[in-house]
Amino acid sequence: MLDRLREDVRAALAKDPAATSAVTVALLYPGLHAVWGYRVAHALWERGFTFTARLLSQAVRLFTGVEIHPAADVGRRLFVDHGAAVVIGETAEIGDDVLMYHGVTLGGDSMRREKRHPTLEDGVTVGANATLLGDITVGENATVGAGSVVVESVPPETTVAGSPAEQVSGTGAERAVSQECGPE
């Protein structure tokens, strides 16, 4: 467990150029505290203590401004920079080494008890105030621009931006441009 905590601190130091020391990160980064609180709540959830897990997750939300449902599946080294107003829904799945900024929502698009929240694969970056809705997948090492609204899956190694989000670079972007310009 202590190794996991150190790993989270190292991830924050690597992903935030304003981070000055491990002590500062460990004591003063609410996004990091939210992830740590989630990890405890998730362990409780997995053991069947669902009410206690939800109670803890709401206490963490009160103190950090970040709400991560204890049933969500979060990988290693998630870093939530400027951890305010982030919401991660119940069936969300987040891979390793994901960077997420403030105001991000991984929201559901269904009232049914099914997979209804996004999946972020390893290495994804999600910009401030982006909203990702539904059972979509954001592929490995993709980037979602700030303020984007994403309702369709994003290929790996791709950047999307806008509302609704459209591909601006990466795999397939060249095809999209050539299709708009017509045949050569």
N, C-alpha and C. Protein backbone atom coordinates (compact mmCIF):
# COMPACT_ATOMS: atom_id res chain seq x y z
N MET A 1 0.82 -1.20 0.00
CA MET A 1 0.00 0.00 0.00
C MET A 1 0.86 1.27 0.00
N LEU A 2 1.91 1.26 0.83
CA LEU A 2 2.81 2.41 0.88
C LEU A 2 3.49 2.63 -0.48
N ASP A 3 3.83 1.55 -1.16
CA ASP A 3 4.43 1.68 -2.50
C ASP A 3 3.46 2.36 -3.46
N ARG A 4 2.18 2.02 -3.36
CA ARG A 4 1.15 2.62 -4.23
C ARG A 4 1.03 4.11 -3.95
N LEU A 5 1.09 4.51 -2.67
CA LEU A 5 1.02 5.93 -2.32
C LEU A 5 2.22 6.70 -2.89
N ARG A 6 3.39 6.12 -2.76
CA ARG A 6 4.60 6.74 -3.33
C ARG A 6 4.50 6.87 -4.84
N GLU A 7 3.97 5.83 -5.46
CA GLU A 7 3.79 5.83 -6.92
C GLU A 7 2.87 6.97 -7.34
N ASP A 8 1.79 7.19 -6.61
CA ASP A 8 0.86 8.29 -6.91
C ASP A 8 1.55 9.64 -6.76
N VAL A 9 2.36 9.80 -5.72
CA VAL A 9 3.10 11.05 -5.53
C VAL A 9 4.09 11.27 -6.66
N ARG A 10 4.82 10.24 -7.05
CA ARG A 10 5.76 10.36 -8.17
C ARG A 10 5.04 10.73 -9.47
N ALA A 11 3.86 10.17 -9.68
CA ALA A 11 3.08 10.50 -10.88
C ALA A 11 2.70 11.98 -10.88
N ALA A 12 2.28 12.50 -9.74
CA ALA A 12 1.93 13.92 -9.63
C ALA A 12 3.15 14.80 -9.90
N LEU A 13 4.28 14.42 -9.34
CA LEU A 13 5.51 15.19 -9.58
C LEU A 13 5.89 15.18 -11.05
N ALA A 14 5.69 14.07 -11.72
CA ALA A 14 6.05 13.95 -13.14
C ALA A 14 5.08 14.72 -14.04
N LYS A 15 3.81 14.81 -13.65
CA LYS A 15 2.80 15.39 -14.54
C LYS A 15 2.47 16.84 -14.24
N ASP A 16 2.96 17.37 -13.13
CA ASP A 16 2.67 18.76 -12.78
C ASP A 16 3.96 19.55 -12.64
N PRO A 17 4.27 20.41 -13.60
CA PRO A 17 5.52 21.18 -13.51
C PRO A 17 5.55 22.14 -12.33
N ALA A 18 4.39 22.44 -11.75
CA ALA A 18 4.35 23.33 -10.58
C ALA A 18 4.62 22.60 -9.28
N ALA A 19 4.65 21.28 -9.31
CA ALA A 19 4.91 20.50 -8.09
C ALA A 19 6.36 20.70 -7.67
N THR A 20 6.55 21.10 -6.42
CA THR A 20 7.90 21.43 -5.96
C THR A 20 8.55 20.35 -5.12
N SER A 21 7.75 19.51 -4.46
CA SER A 21 8.34 18.46 -3.65
C SER A 21 7.30 17.38 -3.36
N ALA A 22 7.78 16.22 -3.00
CA ALA A 22 6.89 15.11 -2.66
C ALA A 22 6.04 15.45 -1.43
N VAL A 23 6.61 16.16 -0.49
CA VAL A 23 5.87 16.54 0.72
C VAL A 23 4.72 17.48 0.36
N THR A 24 5.00 18.46 -0.48
CA THR A 24 3.96 19.40 -0.92
C THR A 24 2.83 18.65 -1.61
N VAL A 25 3.18 17.76 -2.52
CA VAL A 25 2.18 17.00 -3.26
C VAL A 25 1.35 16.15 -2.31
N ALA A 26 2.01 15.43 -1.42
CA ALA A 26 1.31 14.53 -0.51
C ALA A 26 0.38 15.27 0.44
N LEU A 27 0.75 16.46 0.85
CA LEU A 27 -0.05 17.18 1.84
C LEU A 27 -1.06 18.15 1.24
N LEU A 28 -0.80 18.66 0.02
CA LEU A 28 -1.60 19.79 -0.46
C LEU A 28 -2.31 19.58 -1.79
N TYR A 29 -2.31 18.38 -2.34
CA TYR A 29 -2.94 18.17 -3.65
C TYR A 29 -4.28 17.45 -3.48
N PRO A 30 -5.40 18.16 -3.59
CA PRO A 30 -6.70 17.53 -3.38
C PRO A 30 -7.01 16.43 -4.39
N GLY A 31 -6.53 16.54 -5.61
CA GLY A 31 -6.76 15.48 -6.59
C GLY A 31 -6.12 14.18 -6.15
N LEU A 32 -4.95 14.27 -5.57
CA LEU A 32 -4.26 13.11 -5.04
C LEU A 32 -5.01 12.54 -3.83
N HIS A 33 -5.48 13.41 -2.95
CA HIS A 33 -6.25 12.96 -1.78
C HIS A 33 -7.54 12.26 -2.23
N ALA A 34 -8.16 12.78 -3.29
CA ALA A 34 -9.38 12.15 -3.81
C ALA A 34 -9.11 10.74 -4.32
N VAL A 35 -8.00 10.57 -5.01
CA VAL A 35 -7.64 9.23 -5.51
C VAL A 35 -7.36 8.30 -4.34
N TRP A 36 -6.66 8.77 -3.34
CA TRP A 36 -6.39 7.93 -2.17
C TRP A 36 -7.69 7.56 -1.45
N GLY A 37 -8.59 8.53 -1.29
CA GLY A 37 -9.88 8.24 -0.68
C GLY A 37 -10.67 7.24 -1.50
N TYR A 38 -10.62 7.41 -2.83
CA TYR A 38 -11.30 6.45 -3.71
C TYR A 38 -10.75 5.04 -3.49
N ARG A 39 -9.45 4.91 -3.38
CA ARG A 39 -8.85 3.57 -3.25
C ARG A 39 -9.36 2.86 -1.98
N VAL A 40 -9.51 3.59 -0.90
CA VAL A 40 -10.05 3.01 0.33
C VAL A 40 -11.53 2.68 0.14
N ALA A 41 -12.29 3.62 -0.43
CA ALA A 41 -13.72 3.39 -0.66
C ALA A 41 -13.94 2.21 -1.61
N HIS A 42 -13.11 2.11 -2.63
CA HIS A 42 -13.24 1.00 -3.59
C HIS A 42 -12.98 -0.35 -2.91
N ALA A 43 -11.98 -0.39 -2.04
CA ALA A 43 -11.69 -1.63 -1.30
C ALA A 43 -12.90 -2.01 -0.44
N LEU A 44 -13.52 -1.03 0.19
CA LEU A 44 -14.73 -1.31 0.98
C LEU A 44 -15.86 -1.81 0.08
N TRP A 45 -16.04 -1.16 -1.06
CA TRP A 45 -17.08 -1.55 -2.01
C TRP A 45 -16.89 -3.00 -2.46
N GLU A 46 -15.66 -3.34 -2.78
CA GLU A 46 -15.35 -4.70 -3.25
C GLU A 46 -15.62 -5.75 -2.18
N ARG A 47 -15.57 -5.36 -0.93
CA ARG A 47 -15.81 -6.29 0.18
C ARG A 47 -17.27 -6.29 0.64
N GLY A 48 -18.13 -5.56 -0.10
CA GLY A 48 -19.55 -5.57 0.21
C GLY A 48 -20.02 -4.49 1.17
N PHE A 49 -19.14 -3.61 1.60
CA PHE A 49 -19.51 -2.52 2.51
C PHE A 49 -19.91 -1.29 1.67
N THR A 50 -20.96 -1.44 0.89
CA THR A 50 -21.31 -0.42 -0.10
C THR A 50 -21.76 0.90 0.55
N PHE A 51 -22.52 0.83 1.63
CA PHE A 51 -22.95 2.06 2.28
C PHE A 51 -21.74 2.82 2.85
N THR A 52 -20.87 2.11 3.52
CA THR A 52 -19.67 2.74 4.09
C THR A 52 -18.80 3.32 2.99
N ALA A 53 -18.69 2.60 1.89
CA ALA A 53 -17.90 3.08 0.75
C ALA A 53 -18.48 4.37 0.19
N ARG A 54 -19.81 4.43 0.04
CA ARG A 54 -20.46 5.63 -0.48
C ARG A 54 -20.33 6.79 0.52
N LEU A 55 -20.46 6.48 1.79
CA LEU A 55 -20.30 7.51 2.82
C LEU A 55 -18.90 8.11 2.77
N LEU A 56 -17.89 7.25 2.67
CA LEU A 56 -16.51 7.74 2.56
C LEU A 56 -16.32 8.55 1.28
N SER A 57 -16.86 8.08 0.16
CA SER A 57 -16.67 8.80 -1.10
C SER A 57 -17.31 10.19 -1.03
N GLN A 58 -18.43 10.32 -0.33
CA GLN A 58 -19.07 11.62 -0.18
C GLN A 58 -18.27 12.54 0.76
N ALA A 59 -17.67 11.97 1.78
CA ALA A 59 -16.79 12.76 2.66
C ALA A 59 -15.58 13.26 1.88
N VAL A 60 -15.00 12.41 1.07
CA VAL A 60 -13.86 12.80 0.24
C VAL A 60 -14.29 13.91 -0.72
N ARG A 61 -15.47 13.78 -1.30
CA ARG A 61 -16.00 14.80 -2.21
C ARG A 61 -16.14 16.14 -1.48
N LEU A 62 -16.64 16.10 -0.26
CA LEU A 62 -16.81 17.32 0.53
C LEU A 62 -15.47 18.04 0.72
N PHE A 63 -14.42 17.29 0.98
CA PHE A 63 -13.12 17.89 1.28
C PHE A 63 -12.27 18.19 0.06
N THR A 64 -12.50 17.50 -1.06
CA THR A 64 -11.64 17.68 -2.23
C THR A 64 -12.34 18.27 -3.43
N GLY A 65 -13.66 18.18 -3.49
CA GLY A 65 -14.38 18.64 -4.67
C GLY A 65 -14.36 17.63 -5.80
N VAL A 66 -13.84 16.44 -5.54
CA VAL A 66 -13.75 15.38 -6.54
C VAL A 66 -14.63 14.22 -6.10
N GLU A 67 -15.53 13.79 -7.01
CA GLU A 67 -16.41 12.67 -6.70
C GLU A 67 -16.06 11.50 -7.60
N ILE A 68 -15.54 10.44 -6.98
CA ILE A 68 -15.24 9.20 -7.70
C ILE A 68 -16.10 8.11 -7.08
N HIS A 69 -17.01 7.57 -7.87
CA HIS A 69 -17.88 6.52 -7.34
C HIS A 69 -17.01 5.33 -6.93
N PRO A 70 -17.25 4.75 -5.76
CA PRO A 70 -16.40 3.65 -5.29
C PRO A 70 -16.47 2.39 -6.14
N ALA A 71 -17.48 2.27 -7.01
CA ALA A 71 -17.55 1.10 -7.89
C ALA A 71 -16.76 1.30 -9.18
N ALA A 72 -16.35 2.53 -9.48
CA ALA A 72 -15.56 2.78 -10.69
C ALA A 72 -14.27 1.96 -10.63
N ASP A 73 -13.72 1.69 -11.79
CA ASP A 73 -12.49 0.90 -11.89
C ASP A 73 -11.36 1.84 -12.32
N VAL A 74 -10.50 2.19 -11.38
CA VAL A 74 -9.44 3.17 -11.64
C VAL A 74 -8.08 2.47 -11.56
N GLY A 75 -7.28 2.66 -12.60
CA GLY A 75 -5.96 2.06 -12.66
C GLY A 75 -4.93 2.80 -11.82
N ARG A 76 -3.69 2.53 -12.10
CA ARG A 76 -2.59 3.09 -11.33
C ARG A 76 -2.18 4.46 -11.88
N ARG A 77 -1.69 5.26 -10.96
CA ARG A 77 -1.10 6.57 -11.27
C ARG A 77 -2.06 7.55 -11.93
N LEU A 78 -3.36 7.49 -11.59
CA LEU A 78 -4.29 8.54 -12.03
C LEU A 78 -3.88 9.83 -11.33
N PHE A 79 -3.76 10.91 -12.10
CA PHE A 79 -3.47 12.21 -11.51
C PHE A 79 -4.57 13.18 -11.91
N VAL A 80 -5.26 13.73 -10.92
CA VAL A 80 -6.30 14.73 -11.14
C VAL A 80 -5.70 16.06 -10.73
N ASP A 81 -5.32 16.87 -11.73
CA ASP A 81 -4.68 18.15 -11.47
C ASP A 81 -5.74 19.21 -11.20
N HIS A 82 -5.53 20.03 -10.22
CA HIS A 82 -6.49 21.07 -9.80
C HIS A 82 -7.84 20.42 -9.48
N GLY A 83 -7.84 19.39 -8.68
CA GLY A 83 -8.97 18.49 -8.46
C GLY A 83 -10.31 19.05 -8.08
N ALA A 84 -10.80 20.08 -8.70
CA ALA A 84 -12.13 20.60 -8.35
C ALA A 84 -13.16 20.18 -9.39
N ALA A 85 -14.36 19.85 -8.92
CA ALA A 85 -15.53 19.61 -9.76
C ALA A 85 -15.36 18.45 -10.75
N VAL A 86 -14.59 17.45 -10.37
CA VAL A 86 -14.45 16.25 -11.18
C VAL A 86 -15.48 15.23 -10.73
N VAL A 87 -16.14 14.58 -11.69
CA VAL A 87 -17.12 13.54 -11.39
C VAL A 87 -16.78 12.31 -12.24
N ILE A 88 -16.60 11.18 -11.56
CA ILE A 88 -16.32 9.91 -12.23
C ILE A 88 -17.41 8.94 -11.82
N GLY A 89 -18.21 8.52 -12.79
CA GLY A 89 -19.39 7.71 -12.52
C GLY A 89 -19.11 6.26 -12.20
N GLU A 90 -20.16 5.59 -11.77
CA GLU A 90 -20.11 4.23 -11.24
C GLU A 90 -19.48 3.20 -12.16
N THR A 91 -19.79 3.23 -13.44
CA THR A 91 -19.28 2.19 -14.34
C THR A 91 -18.10 2.67 -15.18
N ALA A 92 -17.52 3.81 -14.80
CA ALA A 92 -16.35 4.32 -15.51
C ALA A 92 -15.17 3.38 -15.29
N GLU A 93 -14.33 3.29 -16.31
CA GLU A 93 -13.09 2.52 -16.22
C GLU A 93 -11.96 3.43 -16.67
N ILE A 94 -10.91 3.50 -15.85
CA ILE A 94 -9.78 4.37 -16.13
C ILE A 94 -8.52 3.53 -16.06
N GLY A 95 -7.73 3.59 -17.13
CA GLY A 95 -6.49 2.83 -17.19
C GLY A 95 -5.38 3.46 -16.38
N ASP A 96 -4.17 3.02 -16.62
CA ASP A 96 -2.99 3.52 -15.92
C ASP A 96 -2.50 4.82 -16.56
N ASP A 97 -1.84 5.64 -15.75
CA ASP A 97 -1.15 6.85 -16.21
C ASP A 97 -2.06 7.85 -16.90
N VAL A 98 -3.27 8.00 -16.40
CA VAL A 98 -4.23 8.96 -16.96
C VAL A 98 -4.05 10.29 -16.24
N LEU A 99 -4.12 11.38 -17.00
CA LEU A 99 -4.05 12.74 -16.49
C LEU A 99 -5.38 13.41 -16.77
N MET A 100 -5.98 13.95 -15.73
CA MET A 100 -7.29 14.56 -15.84
C MET A 100 -7.23 15.92 -15.13
N TYR A 101 -7.77 16.96 -15.79
CA TYR A 101 -7.78 18.29 -15.19
C TYR A 101 -9.14 18.58 -14.54
N HIS A 102 -9.26 19.75 -13.94
CA HIS A 102 -10.46 20.11 -13.18
C HIS A 102 -11.70 20.17 -14.08
N GLY A 103 -12.83 19.92 -13.45
CA GLY A 103 -14.11 20.06 -14.13
C GLY A 103 -14.48 18.92 -15.07
N VAL A 104 -13.72 17.85 -15.08
CA VAL A 104 -14.00 16.73 -15.99
C VAL A 104 -15.17 15.91 -15.46
N THR A 105 -16.05 15.51 -16.36
CA THR A 105 -17.15 14.62 -16.02
C THR A 105 -17.07 13.37 -16.89
N LEU A 106 -17.04 12.22 -16.24
CA LEU A 106 -17.20 10.94 -16.93
C LEU A 106 -18.60 10.47 -16.56
N GLY A 107 -19.57 10.88 -17.37
CA GLY A 107 -20.97 10.71 -17.02
C GLY A 107 -21.68 9.60 -17.78
N GLY A 108 -22.79 9.20 -17.22
CA GLY A 108 -23.61 8.16 -17.83
C GLY A 108 -24.63 8.75 -18.78
N ASP A 109 -25.17 7.88 -19.64
CA ASP A 109 -26.20 8.32 -20.57
C ASP A 109 -27.41 7.37 -20.56
N SER A 110 -27.55 6.63 -19.47
CA SER A 110 -28.63 5.67 -19.36
C SER A 110 -29.05 5.54 -17.91
N MET A 111 -30.30 5.24 -17.69
CA MET A 111 -30.79 4.99 -16.33
C MET A 111 -30.80 3.50 -16.02
N ARG A 112 -30.45 2.67 -17.00
CA ARG A 112 -30.43 1.22 -16.79
C ARG A 112 -29.16 0.82 -16.05
N ARG A 113 -29.22 -0.31 -15.35
CA ARG A 113 -28.07 -0.83 -14.62
C ARG A 113 -27.21 -1.61 -15.61
N GLU A 114 -26.37 -0.88 -16.32
CA GLU A 114 -25.50 -1.44 -17.34
C GLU A 114 -24.25 -0.57 -17.42
N LYS A 115 -23.31 -0.94 -18.25
CA LYS A 115 -22.13 -0.11 -18.48
C LYS A 115 -22.62 1.16 -19.17
N ARG A 116 -22.51 2.29 -18.48
CA ARG A 116 -23.07 3.52 -19.01
C ARG A 116 -22.13 4.73 -18.90
N HIS A 117 -20.90 4.49 -18.45
CA HIS A 117 -19.91 5.56 -18.32
C HIS A 117 -18.70 5.26 -19.19
N PRO A 118 -17.89 6.26 -19.48
CA PRO A 118 -16.74 6.08 -20.38
C PRO A 118 -15.64 5.18 -19.83
N THR A 119 -14.86 4.67 -20.77
CA THR A 119 -13.63 3.94 -20.49
C THR A 119 -12.47 4.78 -21.03
N LEU A 120 -11.49 5.07 -20.18
CA LEU A 120 -10.27 5.76 -20.61
C LEU A 120 -9.14 4.75 -20.55
N GLU A 121 -8.52 4.50 -21.69
CA GLU A 121 -7.41 3.55 -21.71
C GLU A 121 -6.14 4.21 -21.20
N ASP A 122 -5.06 3.45 -21.11
CA ASP A 122 -3.79 3.92 -20.55
C ASP A 122 -3.29 5.18 -21.27
N GLY A 123 -2.75 6.11 -20.48
CA GLY A 123 -2.07 7.27 -21.02
C GLY A 123 -2.96 8.38 -21.55
N VAL A 124 -4.24 8.33 -21.30
CA VAL A 124 -5.17 9.36 -21.79
C VAL A 124 -5.00 10.65 -21.00
N THR A 125 -5.16 11.78 -21.69
CA THR A 125 -5.20 13.10 -21.05
C THR A 125 -6.55 13.72 -21.36
N VAL A 126 -7.22 14.23 -20.32
CA VAL A 126 -8.52 14.88 -20.50
C VAL A 126 -8.42 16.30 -19.97
N GLY A 127 -8.64 17.26 -20.86
CA GLY A 127 -8.51 18.67 -20.51
C GLY A 127 -9.62 19.18 -19.61
N ALA A 128 -9.39 20.36 -19.07
CA ALA A 128 -10.31 20.98 -18.11
C ALA A 128 -11.71 21.12 -18.68
N ASN A 129 -12.70 20.83 -17.83
CA ASN A 129 -14.11 21.01 -18.15
C ASN A 129 -14.61 20.18 -19.32
N ALA A 130 -13.92 19.11 -19.65
CA ALA A 130 -14.40 18.21 -20.69
C ALA A 130 -15.49 17.32 -20.11
N THR A 131 -16.46 17.00 -20.95
CA THR A 131 -17.56 16.12 -20.56
C THR A 131 -17.57 14.93 -21.50
N LEU A 132 -17.44 13.74 -20.93
CA LEU A 132 -17.46 12.50 -21.71
C LEU A 132 -18.67 11.71 -21.24
N LEU A 133 -19.53 11.34 -22.17
CA LEU A 133 -20.80 10.72 -21.79
C LEU A 133 -21.01 9.38 -22.47
N GLY A 134 -21.48 8.43 -21.69
CA GLY A 134 -21.90 7.14 -22.22
C GLY A 134 -20.83 6.09 -22.22
N ASP A 135 -21.19 4.93 -22.73
CA ASP A 135 -20.29 3.78 -22.82
C ASP A 135 -19.42 3.93 -24.06
N ILE A 136 -18.49 4.87 -23.97
CA ILE A 136 -17.55 5.12 -25.06
C ILE A 136 -16.15 4.77 -24.57
N THR A 137 -15.22 4.64 -25.49
CA THR A 137 -13.84 4.36 -25.13
C THR A 137 -12.94 5.44 -25.71
N VAL A 138 -12.07 5.98 -24.88
CA VAL A 138 -11.03 6.90 -25.33
C VAL A 138 -9.75 6.08 -25.37
N GLY A 139 -9.23 5.88 -26.57
CA GLY A 139 -8.11 4.97 -26.79
C GLY A 139 -6.81 5.41 -26.15
N GLU A 140 -5.90 4.47 -26.09
CA GLU A 140 -4.60 4.65 -25.46
C GLU A 140 -3.88 5.89 -26.00
N ASN A 141 -3.36 6.69 -25.07
CA ASN A 141 -2.58 7.90 -25.36
C ASN A 141 -3.34 8.95 -26.16
N ALA A 142 -4.66 8.93 -26.12
CA ALA A 142 -5.46 9.96 -26.78
C ALA A 142 -5.57 11.17 -25.86
N THR A 143 -5.95 12.31 -26.46
CA THR A 143 -6.12 13.55 -25.72
C THR A 143 -7.49 14.14 -26.03
N VAL A 144 -8.18 14.57 -24.99
CA VAL A 144 -9.46 15.26 -25.13
C VAL A 144 -9.22 16.70 -24.74
N GLY A 145 -9.51 17.61 -25.64
CA GLY A 145 -9.27 19.03 -25.40
C GLY A 145 -10.19 19.61 -24.34
N ALA A 146 -9.74 20.70 -23.74
CA ALA A 146 -10.51 21.38 -22.70
C ALA A 146 -11.86 21.82 -23.25
N GLY A 147 -12.90 21.64 -22.44
CA GLY A 147 -14.24 22.08 -22.80
C GLY A 147 -14.94 21.21 -23.82
N SER A 148 -14.34 20.11 -24.21
CA SER A 148 -14.94 19.25 -25.23
C SER A 148 -16.11 18.46 -24.66
N VAL A 149 -17.03 18.11 -25.54
CA VAL A 149 -18.12 17.21 -25.21
C VAL A 149 -17.95 15.99 -26.11
N VAL A 150 -17.66 14.85 -25.48
CA VAL A 150 -17.34 13.63 -26.22
C VAL A 150 -18.46 12.62 -26.00
N VAL A 151 -19.10 12.21 -27.11
CA VAL A 151 -20.19 11.24 -27.03
C VAL A 151 -19.94 10.03 -27.95
N GLU A 152 -18.79 10.02 -28.61
CA GLU A 152 -18.40 8.89 -29.46
C GLU A 152 -16.98 8.48 -29.08
N SER A 153 -16.66 7.22 -29.31
CA SER A 153 -15.33 6.71 -28.97
C SER A 153 -14.24 7.45 -29.73
N VAL A 154 -13.06 7.51 -29.11
CA VAL A 154 -11.91 8.22 -29.66
C VAL A 154 -10.81 7.19 -29.92
N PRO A 155 -10.25 7.14 -31.14
CA PRO A 155 -9.19 6.18 -31.43
C PRO A 155 -7.92 6.47 -30.62
N PRO A 156 -7.08 5.46 -30.45
CA PRO A 156 -5.79 5.67 -29.77
C PRO A 156 -4.95 6.73 -30.51
N GLU A 157 -4.07 7.39 -29.75
CA GLU A 157 -3.10 8.33 -30.32
C GLU A 157 -3.77 9.47 -31.08
N THR A 158 -4.93 9.90 -30.64
CA THR A 158 -5.72 10.90 -31.35
C THR A 158 -6.06 12.04 -30.40
N THR A 159 -6.19 13.24 -30.96
CA THR A 159 -6.66 14.38 -30.19
C THR A 159 -8.02 14.81 -30.74
N VAL A 160 -8.97 14.99 -29.81
CA VAL A 160 -10.28 15.50 -30.18
C VAL A 160 -10.53 16.78 -29.40
N ALA A 161 -11.34 17.67 -30.00
CA ALA A 161 -11.67 18.92 -29.32
C ALA A 161 -12.99 19.44 -29.87
N GLY A 162 -13.65 20.25 -29.07
CA GLY A 162 -14.86 20.91 -29.50
C GLY A 162 -16.11 20.32 -28.89
N SER A 163 -17.24 20.93 -29.29
CA SER A 163 -18.54 20.50 -28.79
C SER A 163 -19.53 20.48 -29.94
N PRO A 164 -19.83 19.31 -30.47
CA PRO A 164 -19.32 18.00 -30.09
C PRO A 164 -17.87 17.83 -30.53
N ALA A 165 -17.16 16.96 -29.82
CA ALA A 165 -15.74 16.76 -30.10
C ALA A 165 -15.53 16.18 -31.49
N GLU A 166 -14.53 16.72 -32.17
CA GLU A 166 -14.12 16.22 -33.47
C GLU A 166 -12.62 16.00 -33.44
N GLN A 167 -12.18 15.07 -34.25
CA GLN A 167 -10.77 14.73 -34.31
C GLN A 167 -9.98 15.88 -34.93
N VAL A 168 -8.90 16.29 -34.26
CA VAL A 168 -8.07 17.38 -34.78
C VAL A 168 -6.66 16.91 -35.13
N SER A 169 -6.24 15.77 -34.61
CA SER A 169 -4.94 15.22 -34.99
C SER A 169 -4.88 13.76 -34.62
N GLY A 170 -3.88 13.07 -35.18
CA GLY A 170 -3.68 11.67 -34.85
C GLY A 170 -4.21 10.73 -35.91
N THR A 171 -4.33 9.48 -35.54
CA THR A 171 -4.75 8.43 -36.44
C THR A 171 -6.06 8.81 -37.12
N GLY A 172 -6.06 8.84 -38.43
CA GLY A 172 -7.28 9.10 -39.18
C GLY A 172 -7.53 10.57 -39.47
N ALA A 173 -6.82 11.49 -38.82
CA ALA A 173 -7.07 12.91 -39.06
C ALA A 173 -6.73 13.27 -40.50
N GLU A 174 -5.66 12.69 -41.05
CA GLU A 174 -5.28 12.97 -42.42
C GLU A 174 -6.37 12.50 -43.38
N ARG A 175 -6.96 11.33 -43.11
CA ARG A 175 -8.06 10.82 -43.95
C ARG A 175 -9.23 11.79 -43.93
N ALA A 176 -9.56 12.30 -42.75
CA ALA A 176 -10.70 13.22 -42.64
C ALA A 176 -10.46 14.48 -43.45
N VAL A 177 -9.24 15.01 -43.41
CA VAL A 177 -8.93 16.22 -44.18
C VAL A 177 -9.00 15.92 -45.66
N SER A 178 -8.44 14.80 -46.11
CA SER A 178 -8.46 14.50 -47.55
C SER A 178 -9.88 14.24 -48.04
N GLN A 179 -10.75 13.68 -47.20
CA GLN A 179 -12.13 13.46 -47.59
C GLN A 179 -12.86 14.79 -47.74
N GLU A 180 -12.54 15.76 -46.89
CA GLU A 180 -13.17 17.07 -46.99
C GLU A 180 -12.74 17.80 -48.26
N CYS A 181 -11.47 17.59 -48.66
CA CYS A 181 -10.93 18.29 -49.82
C CYS A 181 -11.31 17.60 -51.12
N GLY A 182 -11.75 16.37 -51.05
CA GLY A 182 -12.11 15.63 -52.25
C GLY A 182 -10.91 14.90 -52.82
N PRO A 183 -11.14 14.12 -53.86
CA PRO A 183 -10.05 13.34 -54.46
C PRO A 183 -9.02 14.24 -55.11
N GLU A 184 -7.78 13.74 -55.14
CA GLU A 184 -6.70 14.53 -55.74
C GLU A 184 -6.62 14.31 -57.22
